[in-house]
Amino acid sequence: MNEVIRKNIFLTLFLSFIIIFISSLFYRFSSPNLTLKVKTKVNNSQDAMAMVIDLMQKLKKDPNDVDVLKELGFVFMKMGNWNKALSFWTKLLNIEPKDRMALSQAGYCYFQLQKYHKAVHLYEEVLKLDENNYIINYNLGVIYAKFLSQPNKAKIYFQKVLNSPDAGSKLKQEVKDFLSHISN
């Protein structure tokens, strides 16, 4: 029994350091418009671990619980564990293939994993459901401009952001800055 307790303490400490490290990196390097604002309240690593354990137990009882899958996806995104988060978003998409949140969050995970073509595919699926989603249009513009070297495609998506009545002036200014640096 002591070995199990020791392993649990070690795992908790290890995850605490990982969470602190990833959180600081995430805070320092994230773009304000590509960053997901997670609403899950995780105060410290013990709370995070307790939450994950609780959610995993709920998922064990009902593997198709959409709300639990979303919570786990968000918790692991907050931890910076993109592969694990992606696994929960993928499970959710197997249950609800047209869930816009799951599509966009899975796309963001792929973006963080530098799998840009997969991110683009999922983001384009979101646009089939919500063509005026200025955030997804912005994300696609950034991916095409910065990571896929396709400035003409980037311009199309950025223009949709500029035309959106819902996009704020700060975001529109960022788009204008991007467009001024894109070459043909």
N, C-alpha and C. Protein backbone atom coordinates (compact mmCIF):
# COMPACT_ATOMS: atom_id res chain seq x y z
N MET A 1 0.82 -1.19 0.00
CA MET A 1 0.00 0.00 0.00
C MET A 1 0.86 1.26 0.00
N ASN A 2 2.01 1.22 0.71
CA ASN A 2 2.91 2.38 0.74
C ASN A 2 3.43 2.72 -0.65
N GLU A 3 3.66 1.71 -1.46
CA GLU A 3 4.16 1.93 -2.82
C GLU A 3 3.12 2.69 -3.65
N VAL A 4 1.86 2.36 -3.50
CA VAL A 4 0.79 3.03 -4.23
C VAL A 4 0.71 4.50 -3.79
N ILE A 5 0.79 4.73 -2.49
CA ILE A 5 0.74 6.10 -1.97
C ILE A 5 1.93 6.90 -2.48
N ARG A 6 3.11 6.29 -2.45
CA ARG A 6 4.30 6.97 -2.93
C ARG A 6 4.17 7.32 -4.42
N LYS A 7 3.64 6.38 -5.21
CA LYS A 7 3.46 6.64 -6.64
C LYS A 7 2.45 7.76 -6.86
N ASN A 8 1.38 7.80 -6.09
CA ASN A 8 0.39 8.86 -6.22
C ASN A 8 0.97 10.22 -5.85
N ILE A 9 1.77 10.27 -4.80
CA ILE A 9 2.41 11.52 -4.40
C ILE A 9 3.38 11.98 -5.48
N PHE A 10 4.17 11.06 -5.99
CA PHE A 10 5.12 11.40 -7.06
C PHE A 10 4.38 11.90 -8.29
N LEU A 11 3.31 11.20 -8.69
CA LEU A 11 2.54 11.61 -9.85
C LEU A 11 1.95 13.00 -9.66
N THR A 12 1.42 13.28 -8.48
CA THR A 12 0.85 14.59 -8.19
C THR A 12 1.91 15.68 -8.26
N LEU A 13 3.08 15.44 -7.68
CA LEU A 13 4.17 16.42 -7.73
C LEU A 13 4.64 16.64 -9.16
N PHE A 14 4.80 15.55 -9.89
CA PHE A 14 5.26 15.64 -11.27
C PHE A 14 4.28 16.46 -12.11
N LEU A 15 2.99 16.14 -11.99
CA LEU A 15 1.98 16.88 -12.74
C LEU A 15 1.92 18.34 -12.32
N SER A 16 2.18 18.62 -11.04
CA SER A 16 2.20 20.00 -10.56
C SER A 16 3.27 20.81 -11.28
N PHE A 17 4.47 20.24 -11.37
CA PHE A 17 5.55 20.94 -12.06
C PHE A 17 5.24 21.11 -13.55
N ILE A 18 4.68 20.09 -14.16
CA ILE A 18 4.34 20.18 -15.58
C ILE A 18 3.28 21.26 -15.79
N ILE A 19 2.29 21.30 -14.95
CA ILE A 19 1.22 22.30 -15.08
C ILE A 19 1.78 23.71 -14.92
N ILE A 20 2.63 23.90 -13.93
CA ILE A 20 3.23 25.23 -13.71
C ILE A 20 4.08 25.63 -14.93
N PHE A 21 4.88 24.73 -15.42
CA PHE A 21 5.74 25.02 -16.56
C PHE A 21 4.92 25.33 -17.80
N ILE A 22 3.97 24.49 -18.10
CA ILE A 22 3.16 24.69 -19.30
C ILE A 22 2.31 25.95 -19.17
N SER A 23 1.78 26.19 -17.99
CA SER A 23 0.97 27.40 -17.79
C SER A 23 1.79 28.66 -18.03
N SER A 24 3.02 28.68 -17.54
CA SER A 24 3.84 29.87 -17.75
C SER A 24 4.20 30.04 -19.22
N LEU A 25 4.51 28.94 -19.91
CA LEU A 25 4.80 29.04 -21.34
C LEU A 25 3.57 29.49 -22.11
N PHE A 26 2.46 28.89 -21.79
CA PHE A 26 1.21 29.22 -22.46
C PHE A 26 0.89 30.70 -22.29
N TYR A 27 1.05 31.21 -21.10
CA TYR A 27 0.76 32.61 -20.82
C TYR A 27 1.69 33.54 -21.60
N ARG A 28 2.96 33.18 -21.65
CA ARG A 28 3.94 34.07 -22.27
C ARG A 28 3.89 34.07 -23.80
N PHE A 29 3.56 32.94 -24.41
CA PHE A 29 3.69 32.84 -25.86
C PHE A 29 2.37 32.78 -26.62
N SER A 30 1.28 32.74 -25.95
CA SER A 30 0.01 32.58 -26.66
C SER A 30 -0.41 33.90 -27.32
N SER A 31 -0.96 33.76 -28.50
CA SER A 31 -1.52 34.91 -29.20
C SER A 31 -2.89 35.18 -28.60
N PRO A 32 -3.23 36.41 -28.32
CA PRO A 32 -4.51 36.68 -27.66
C PRO A 32 -5.73 36.24 -28.47
N ASN A 33 -5.59 36.15 -29.78
CA ASN A 33 -6.75 35.78 -30.58
C ASN A 33 -6.81 34.30 -30.92
N LEU A 34 -5.76 33.58 -30.62
CA LEU A 34 -5.79 32.14 -30.84
C LEU A 34 -5.91 31.40 -29.53
N THR A 35 -5.91 32.11 -28.43
CA THR A 35 -5.94 31.49 -27.12
C THR A 35 -7.36 31.17 -26.72
N LEU A 36 -7.54 29.98 -26.24
CA LEU A 36 -8.83 29.57 -25.73
C LEU A 36 -8.94 29.99 -24.28
N LYS A 37 -10.00 30.67 -23.95
CA LYS A 37 -10.25 31.04 -22.57
C LYS A 37 -11.05 29.93 -21.93
N VAL A 38 -10.39 29.11 -21.16
CA VAL A 38 -11.03 27.96 -20.55
C VAL A 38 -11.79 28.41 -19.32
N LYS A 39 -13.05 28.01 -19.22
CA LYS A 39 -13.90 28.43 -18.12
C LYS A 39 -13.83 27.46 -16.95
N THR A 40 -13.12 26.37 -17.12
CA THR A 40 -12.99 25.41 -16.04
C THR A 40 -12.14 26.03 -14.95
N LYS A 41 -12.58 25.91 -13.71
CA LYS A 41 -11.86 26.50 -12.60
C LYS A 41 -10.90 25.47 -12.02
N VAL A 42 -9.62 25.68 -12.30
CA VAL A 42 -8.59 24.81 -11.77
C VAL A 42 -7.62 25.69 -11.01
N ASN A 43 -7.65 25.62 -9.68
CA ASN A 43 -6.84 26.51 -8.87
C ASN A 43 -5.41 26.01 -8.69
N ASN A 44 -5.23 24.74 -8.52
CA ASN A 44 -3.88 24.21 -8.39
C ASN A 44 -3.84 22.79 -8.91
N SER A 45 -2.69 22.19 -8.87
CA SER A 45 -2.53 20.87 -9.46
C SER A 45 -3.35 19.81 -8.75
N GLN A 46 -3.51 19.95 -7.44
CA GLN A 46 -4.33 18.97 -6.73
C GLN A 46 -5.78 19.07 -7.16
N ASP A 47 -6.26 20.30 -7.33
CA ASP A 47 -7.62 20.48 -7.83
C ASP A 47 -7.76 19.90 -9.23
N ALA A 48 -6.76 20.13 -10.07
CA ALA A 48 -6.79 19.62 -11.43
C ALA A 48 -6.82 18.10 -11.43
N MET A 49 -5.97 17.49 -10.63
CA MET A 49 -5.94 16.04 -10.57
C MET A 49 -7.26 15.49 -10.03
N ALA A 50 -7.79 16.13 -9.00
CA ALA A 50 -9.06 15.69 -8.43
C ALA A 50 -10.17 15.81 -9.47
N MET A 51 -10.13 16.91 -10.23
CA MET A 51 -11.14 17.11 -11.26
C MET A 51 -11.03 16.05 -12.34
N VAL A 52 -9.81 15.77 -12.78
CA VAL A 52 -9.61 14.77 -13.83
C VAL A 52 -10.08 13.40 -13.33
N ILE A 53 -9.72 13.06 -12.12
CA ILE A 53 -10.13 11.76 -11.56
C ILE A 53 -11.65 11.67 -11.50
N ASP A 54 -12.28 12.73 -11.02
CA ASP A 54 -13.74 12.75 -10.92
C ASP A 54 -14.39 12.63 -12.30
N LEU A 55 -13.88 13.39 -13.26
CA LEU A 55 -14.43 13.34 -14.60
C LEU A 55 -14.21 11.99 -15.26
N MET A 56 -13.04 11.41 -15.03
CA MET A 56 -12.77 10.09 -15.61
C MET A 56 -13.69 9.02 -15.03
N GLN A 57 -14.00 9.14 -13.75
CA GLN A 57 -14.95 8.20 -13.13
C GLN A 57 -16.34 8.37 -13.74
N LYS A 58 -16.74 9.61 -13.98
CA LYS A 58 -18.03 9.85 -14.62
C LYS A 58 -18.05 9.29 -16.03
N LEU A 59 -16.93 9.46 -16.73
CA LEU A 59 -16.84 8.96 -18.10
C LEU A 59 -16.86 7.44 -18.14
N LYS A 60 -16.30 6.83 -17.12
CA LYS A 60 -16.31 5.37 -17.05
C LYS A 60 -17.74 4.85 -16.93
N LYS A 61 -18.57 5.60 -16.18
CA LYS A 61 -19.98 5.22 -16.02
C LYS A 61 -20.77 5.45 -17.31
N ASP A 62 -20.45 6.54 -18.00
CA ASP A 62 -21.15 6.86 -19.25
C ASP A 62 -20.14 7.40 -20.26
N PRO A 63 -19.57 6.51 -21.08
CA PRO A 63 -18.54 6.93 -22.04
C PRO A 63 -19.02 7.93 -23.10
N ASN A 64 -20.33 8.10 -23.21
CA ASN A 64 -20.86 9.03 -24.21
C ASN A 64 -21.39 10.32 -23.60
N ASP A 65 -20.96 10.62 -22.38
CA ASP A 65 -21.40 11.85 -21.71
C ASP A 65 -20.68 13.04 -22.35
N VAL A 66 -21.41 13.75 -23.18
CA VAL A 66 -20.85 14.86 -23.96
C VAL A 66 -20.28 15.95 -23.06
N ASP A 67 -20.99 16.27 -21.98
CA ASP A 67 -20.51 17.33 -21.09
C ASP A 67 -19.20 16.95 -20.42
N VAL A 68 -19.06 15.71 -20.03
CA VAL A 68 -17.82 15.25 -19.40
C VAL A 68 -16.68 15.26 -20.42
N LEU A 69 -16.96 14.83 -21.63
CA LEU A 69 -15.93 14.86 -22.68
C LEU A 69 -15.45 16.29 -22.93
N LYS A 70 -16.38 17.24 -22.94
CA LYS A 70 -16.00 18.65 -23.14
C LYS A 70 -15.13 19.14 -21.98
N GLU A 71 -15.55 18.84 -20.76
CA GLU A 71 -14.78 19.27 -19.59
C GLU A 71 -13.37 18.70 -19.64
N LEU A 72 -13.26 17.41 -19.95
CA LEU A 72 -11.93 16.79 -20.02
C LEU A 72 -11.10 17.42 -21.14
N GLY A 73 -11.73 17.69 -22.26
CA GLY A 73 -11.02 18.36 -23.34
C GLY A 73 -10.47 19.70 -22.90
N PHE A 74 -11.30 20.49 -22.22
CA PHE A 74 -10.85 21.81 -21.73
C PHE A 74 -9.77 21.69 -20.66
N VAL A 75 -9.93 20.76 -19.74
CA VAL A 75 -8.94 20.61 -18.66
C VAL A 75 -7.57 20.26 -19.25
N PHE A 76 -7.54 19.31 -20.18
CA PHE A 76 -6.25 18.93 -20.75
C PHE A 76 -5.69 20.02 -21.67
N MET A 77 -6.55 20.81 -22.28
CA MET A 77 -6.05 21.96 -23.06
C MET A 77 -5.39 22.96 -22.11
N LYS A 78 -6.04 23.20 -20.98
CA LYS A 78 -5.47 24.14 -20.02
C LYS A 78 -4.11 23.65 -19.53
N MET A 79 -3.97 22.34 -19.40
CA MET A 79 -2.69 21.76 -18.98
C MET A 79 -1.66 21.77 -20.11
N GLY A 80 -2.12 22.03 -21.34
CA GLY A 80 -1.20 22.00 -22.48
C GLY A 80 -0.97 20.61 -23.00
N ASN A 81 -1.78 19.66 -22.59
CA ASN A 81 -1.65 18.29 -23.07
C ASN A 81 -2.56 18.16 -24.29
N TRP A 82 -2.05 18.61 -25.43
CA TRP A 82 -2.85 18.72 -26.64
C TRP A 82 -3.31 17.37 -27.18
N ASN A 83 -2.45 16.36 -27.10
CA ASN A 83 -2.84 15.03 -27.58
C ASN A 83 -3.97 14.45 -26.75
N LYS A 84 -3.88 14.58 -25.45
CA LYS A 84 -4.92 14.04 -24.58
C LYS A 84 -6.21 14.82 -24.78
N ALA A 85 -6.12 16.13 -24.85
CA ALA A 85 -7.31 16.94 -25.11
C ALA A 85 -7.95 16.55 -26.43
N LEU A 86 -7.12 16.37 -27.44
CA LEU A 86 -7.61 15.99 -28.76
C LEU A 86 -8.35 14.66 -28.71
N SER A 87 -7.88 13.74 -27.88
CA SER A 87 -8.55 12.44 -27.80
C SER A 87 -9.99 12.60 -27.30
N PHE A 88 -10.22 13.52 -26.38
CA PHE A 88 -11.58 13.73 -25.87
C PHE A 88 -12.45 14.47 -26.89
N TRP A 89 -11.86 15.44 -27.59
CA TRP A 89 -12.63 16.13 -28.62
C TRP A 89 -12.98 15.17 -29.75
N THR A 90 -12.07 14.27 -30.08
CA THR A 90 -12.33 13.28 -31.13
C THR A 90 -13.45 12.33 -30.71
N LYS A 91 -13.43 11.89 -29.46
CA LYS A 91 -14.51 11.02 -28.97
C LYS A 91 -15.84 11.76 -29.05
N LEU A 92 -15.83 13.02 -28.69
CA LEU A 92 -17.07 13.80 -28.75
C LEU A 92 -17.55 13.92 -30.19
N LEU A 93 -16.62 14.11 -31.12
CA LEU A 93 -17.00 14.23 -32.54
C LEU A 93 -17.53 12.91 -33.09
N ASN A 94 -17.08 11.80 -32.53
CA ASN A 94 -17.65 10.52 -32.94
C ASN A 94 -19.11 10.40 -32.53
N ILE A 95 -19.46 11.07 -31.45
CA ILE A 95 -20.84 11.06 -30.95
C ILE A 95 -21.67 12.13 -31.65
N GLU A 96 -21.10 13.33 -31.75
CA GLU A 96 -21.78 14.47 -32.37
C GLU A 96 -20.86 15.11 -33.41
N PRO A 97 -20.87 14.58 -34.63
CA PRO A 97 -19.91 15.02 -35.66
C PRO A 97 -20.02 16.49 -36.06
N LYS A 98 -21.12 17.13 -35.78
CA LYS A 98 -21.29 18.53 -36.19
C LYS A 98 -21.25 19.49 -35.00
N ASP A 99 -20.67 19.05 -33.91
CA ASP A 99 -20.55 19.92 -32.74
C ASP A 99 -19.48 20.97 -33.04
N ARG A 100 -19.92 22.22 -33.18
CA ARG A 100 -19.00 23.30 -33.57
C ARG A 100 -17.89 23.52 -32.56
N MET A 101 -18.23 23.42 -31.28
CA MET A 101 -17.20 23.62 -30.26
C MET A 101 -16.14 22.52 -30.36
N ALA A 102 -16.58 21.29 -30.48
CA ALA A 102 -15.63 20.18 -30.58
C ALA A 102 -14.77 20.30 -31.83
N LEU A 103 -15.38 20.68 -32.94
CA LEU A 103 -14.61 20.86 -34.17
C LEU A 103 -13.56 21.95 -34.01
N SER A 104 -13.97 23.08 -33.44
CA SER A 104 -13.02 24.19 -33.31
C SER A 104 -11.93 23.89 -32.28
N GLN A 105 -12.28 23.22 -31.17
CA GLN A 105 -11.27 22.92 -30.16
C GLN A 105 -10.31 21.84 -30.65
N ALA A 106 -10.83 20.85 -31.38
CA ALA A 106 -9.95 19.84 -31.98
C ALA A 106 -9.02 20.52 -32.99
N GLY A 107 -9.56 21.46 -33.75
CA GLY A 107 -8.73 22.22 -34.69
C GLY A 107 -7.63 22.98 -33.97
N TYR A 108 -7.96 23.57 -32.83
CA TYR A 108 -6.96 24.30 -32.06
C TYR A 108 -5.88 23.36 -31.52
N CYS A 109 -6.30 22.17 -31.09
CA CYS A 109 -5.31 21.19 -30.63
C CYS A 109 -4.35 20.82 -31.76
N TYR A 110 -4.91 20.58 -32.94
CA TYR A 110 -4.05 20.26 -34.09
C TYR A 110 -3.12 21.44 -34.39
N PHE A 111 -3.64 22.66 -34.28
CA PHE A 111 -2.80 23.83 -34.48
C PHE A 111 -1.63 23.82 -33.51
N GLN A 112 -1.91 23.57 -32.23
CA GLN A 112 -0.85 23.54 -31.23
C GLN A 112 0.14 22.41 -31.47
N LEU A 113 -0.32 21.33 -32.07
CA LEU A 113 0.55 20.20 -32.40
C LEU A 113 1.26 20.40 -33.74
N GLN A 114 1.06 21.57 -34.34
CA GLN A 114 1.65 21.94 -35.62
C GLN A 114 1.22 21.03 -36.77
N LYS A 115 0.02 20.53 -36.66
CA LYS A 115 -0.59 19.73 -37.73
C LYS A 115 -1.61 20.65 -38.42
N TYR A 116 -1.06 21.58 -39.19
CA TYR A 116 -1.85 22.68 -39.71
C TYR A 116 -2.91 22.24 -40.72
N HIS A 117 -2.62 21.26 -41.54
CA HIS A 117 -3.60 20.80 -42.52
C HIS A 117 -4.81 20.18 -41.83
N LYS A 118 -4.57 19.46 -40.75
CA LYS A 118 -5.69 18.88 -40.00
C LYS A 118 -6.49 19.98 -39.31
N ALA A 119 -5.80 20.98 -38.79
CA ALA A 119 -6.49 22.12 -38.18
C ALA A 119 -7.37 22.81 -39.21
N VAL A 120 -6.81 23.04 -40.39
CA VAL A 120 -7.57 23.70 -41.46
C VAL A 120 -8.82 22.89 -41.80
N HIS A 121 -8.66 21.58 -41.92
CA HIS A 121 -9.81 20.73 -42.26
C HIS A 121 -10.94 20.91 -41.24
N LEU A 122 -10.60 20.87 -39.96
CA LEU A 122 -11.63 21.00 -38.93
C LEU A 122 -12.22 22.40 -38.89
N TYR A 123 -11.37 23.41 -39.06
CA TYR A 123 -11.88 24.78 -39.08
C TYR A 123 -12.83 24.99 -40.27
N GLU A 124 -12.50 24.40 -41.40
CA GLU A 124 -13.39 24.52 -42.56
C GLU A 124 -14.72 23.80 -42.32
N GLU A 125 -14.69 22.73 -41.55
CA GLU A 125 -15.94 22.05 -41.16
C GLU A 125 -16.80 22.99 -40.29
N VAL A 126 -16.16 23.74 -39.42
CA VAL A 126 -16.90 24.71 -38.60
C VAL A 126 -17.56 25.74 -39.51
N LEU A 127 -16.82 26.22 -40.50
CA LEU A 127 -17.36 27.24 -41.39
C LEU A 127 -18.53 26.72 -42.23
N LYS A 128 -18.57 25.42 -42.49
CA LYS A 128 -19.73 24.86 -43.19
C LYS A 128 -20.99 25.00 -42.34
N LEU A 129 -20.81 25.01 -41.03
CA LEU A 129 -21.93 25.14 -40.10
C LEU A 129 -22.19 26.59 -39.70
N ASP A 130 -21.15 27.40 -39.77
CA ASP A 130 -21.24 28.79 -39.31
C ASP A 130 -20.25 29.62 -40.13
N GLU A 131 -20.65 29.95 -41.37
CA GLU A 131 -19.71 30.59 -42.31
C GLU A 131 -19.25 31.98 -41.87
N ASN A 132 -19.97 32.60 -40.95
CA ASN A 132 -19.61 33.94 -40.51
C ASN A 132 -18.83 33.96 -39.21
N ASN A 133 -18.31 32.83 -38.80
CA ASN A 133 -17.55 32.74 -37.56
C ASN A 133 -16.21 33.46 -37.77
N TYR A 134 -16.13 34.68 -37.28
CA TYR A 134 -14.95 35.50 -37.54
C TYR A 134 -13.70 34.97 -36.85
N ILE A 135 -13.86 34.28 -35.74
CA ILE A 135 -12.69 33.72 -35.04
C ILE A 135 -12.06 32.61 -35.87
N ILE A 136 -12.90 31.74 -36.40
CA ILE A 136 -12.39 30.65 -37.24
C ILE A 136 -11.79 31.22 -38.53
N ASN A 137 -12.44 32.23 -39.11
CA ASN A 137 -11.89 32.87 -40.31
C ASN A 137 -10.52 33.48 -40.00
N TYR A 138 -10.40 34.09 -38.84
CA TYR A 138 -9.11 34.67 -38.44
C TYR A 138 -8.06 33.57 -38.28
N ASN A 139 -8.43 32.50 -37.57
CA ASN A 139 -7.48 31.42 -37.36
C ASN A 139 -7.01 30.83 -38.69
N LEU A 140 -7.94 30.64 -39.62
CA LEU A 140 -7.56 30.12 -40.94
C LEU A 140 -6.65 31.11 -41.66
N GLY A 141 -6.95 32.39 -41.55
CA GLY A 141 -6.07 33.40 -42.17
C GLY A 141 -4.66 33.32 -41.62
N VAL A 142 -4.54 33.18 -40.31
CA VAL A 142 -3.22 33.10 -39.68
C VAL A 142 -2.49 31.84 -40.15
N ILE A 143 -3.18 30.72 -40.14
CA ILE A 143 -2.54 29.46 -40.55
C ILE A 143 -2.05 29.56 -41.99
N TYR A 144 -2.92 30.04 -42.88
CA TYR A 144 -2.51 30.14 -44.28
C TYR A 144 -1.38 31.16 -44.47
N ALA A 145 -1.42 32.25 -43.73
CA ALA A 145 -0.40 33.29 -43.90
C ALA A 145 0.93 32.89 -43.29
N LYS A 146 0.91 32.38 -42.06
CA LYS A 146 2.16 32.14 -41.33
C LYS A 146 2.73 30.74 -41.49
N PHE A 147 1.88 29.75 -41.66
CA PHE A 147 2.36 28.38 -41.55
C PHE A 147 2.24 27.56 -42.83
N LEU A 148 1.34 27.93 -43.73
CA LEU A 148 1.18 27.17 -44.97
C LEU A 148 1.62 27.96 -46.20
N SER A 149 2.09 29.17 -46.00
CA SER A 149 2.61 30.02 -47.08
C SER A 149 1.64 30.11 -48.26
N GLN A 150 0.40 30.39 -47.95
CA GLN A 150 -0.62 30.56 -48.98
C GLN A 150 -1.32 31.91 -48.76
N PRO A 151 -0.63 32.98 -49.11
CA PRO A 151 -1.16 34.32 -48.81
C PRO A 151 -2.50 34.63 -49.47
N ASN A 152 -2.74 34.09 -50.65
CA ASN A 152 -4.02 34.39 -51.30
C ASN A 152 -5.19 33.79 -50.53
N LYS A 153 -5.01 32.60 -50.01
CA LYS A 153 -6.06 32.00 -49.18
C LYS A 153 -6.20 32.78 -47.88
N ALA A 154 -5.08 33.18 -47.31
CA ALA A 154 -5.13 33.96 -46.06
C ALA A 154 -5.95 35.23 -46.27
N LYS A 155 -5.74 35.90 -47.40
CA LYS A 155 -6.46 37.14 -47.68
C LYS A 155 -7.97 36.92 -47.71
N ILE A 156 -8.41 35.79 -48.26
CA ILE A 156 -9.84 35.49 -48.34
C ILE A 156 -10.44 35.43 -46.94
N TYR A 157 -9.76 34.71 -46.05
CA TYR A 157 -10.29 34.56 -44.69
C TYR A 157 -10.18 35.86 -43.90
N PHE A 158 -9.08 36.57 -44.08
CA PHE A 158 -8.93 37.84 -43.38
C PHE A 158 -9.99 38.84 -43.83
N GLN A 159 -10.32 38.83 -45.11
CA GLN A 159 -11.34 39.74 -45.62
C GLN A 159 -12.69 39.45 -44.95
N LYS A 160 -12.97 38.18 -44.70
CA LYS A 160 -14.23 37.81 -44.03
C LYS A 160 -14.25 38.37 -42.61
N VAL A 161 -13.11 38.42 -41.97
CA VAL A 161 -13.04 39.01 -40.62
C VAL A 161 -13.33 40.50 -40.71
N LEU A 162 -12.71 41.16 -41.69
CA LEU A 162 -12.93 42.61 -41.84
C LEU A 162 -14.39 42.93 -42.16
N ASN A 163 -15.07 42.02 -42.85
CA ASN A 163 -16.47 42.24 -43.22
C ASN A 163 -17.44 41.87 -42.10
N SER A 164 -16.94 41.21 -41.08
CA SER A 164 -17.82 40.75 -40.01
C SER A 164 -18.22 41.89 -39.07
N PRO A 165 -19.51 42.05 -38.85
CA PRO A 165 -19.95 43.07 -37.89
C PRO A 165 -19.66 42.68 -36.44
N ASP A 166 -19.39 41.39 -36.22
CA ASP A 166 -19.14 40.91 -34.85
C ASP A 166 -17.68 41.03 -34.42
N ALA A 167 -16.78 41.13 -35.39
CA ALA A 167 -15.35 41.24 -35.05
C ALA A 167 -15.06 42.62 -34.48
N GLY A 168 -14.30 42.65 -33.40
CA GLY A 168 -13.97 43.91 -32.76
C GLY A 168 -12.93 44.71 -33.53
N SER A 169 -12.81 45.96 -33.16
CA SER A 169 -11.88 46.86 -33.87
C SER A 169 -10.43 46.44 -33.67
N LYS A 170 -10.10 45.91 -32.49
CA LYS A 170 -8.73 45.48 -32.24
C LYS A 170 -8.35 44.30 -33.15
N LEU A 171 -9.26 43.35 -33.28
CA LEU A 171 -9.01 42.20 -34.16
C LEU A 171 -8.92 42.66 -35.61
N LYS A 172 -9.80 43.56 -36.00
CA LYS A 172 -9.76 44.06 -37.37
C LYS A 172 -8.44 44.78 -37.65
N GLN A 173 -7.90 45.48 -36.66
CA GLN A 173 -6.61 46.14 -36.84
C GLN A 173 -5.49 45.10 -37.00
N GLU A 174 -5.55 44.03 -36.23
CA GLU A 174 -4.57 42.95 -36.38
C GLU A 174 -4.63 42.36 -37.79
N VAL A 175 -5.84 42.19 -38.29
CA VAL A 175 -6.02 41.65 -39.64
C VAL A 175 -5.42 42.61 -40.66
N LYS A 176 -5.67 43.89 -40.50
CA LYS A 176 -5.10 44.88 -41.42
C LYS A 176 -3.57 44.83 -41.38
N ASP A 177 -3.02 44.64 -40.18
CA ASP A 177 -1.56 44.53 -40.06
C ASP A 177 -1.05 43.28 -40.79
N PHE A 178 -1.76 42.17 -40.62
CA PHE A 178 -1.37 40.94 -41.33
C PHE A 178 -1.41 41.18 -42.83
N LEU A 179 -2.52 41.77 -43.30
CA LEU A 179 -2.67 41.98 -44.73
C LEU A 179 -1.60 42.90 -45.30
N SER A 180 -1.15 43.85 -44.52
CA SER A 180 -0.11 44.77 -45.02
C SER A 180 1.24 44.07 -45.17
N HIS A 181 1.43 42.94 -44.51
CA HIS A 181 2.68 42.21 -44.59
C HIS A 181 2.63 40.99 -45.50
N ILE A 182 1.46 40.69 -46.02
CA ILE A 182 1.33 39.53 -46.90
C ILE A 182 1.72 39.93 -48.31
N SER A 183 2.58 39.12 -48.89
CA SER A 183 2.98 39.36 -50.28
C SER A 183 2.13 38.48 -51.19
N ASN A 184 2.01 38.86 -52.41
CA ASN A 184 1.22 38.09 -53.38
C ASN A 184 1.97 36.90 -53.88
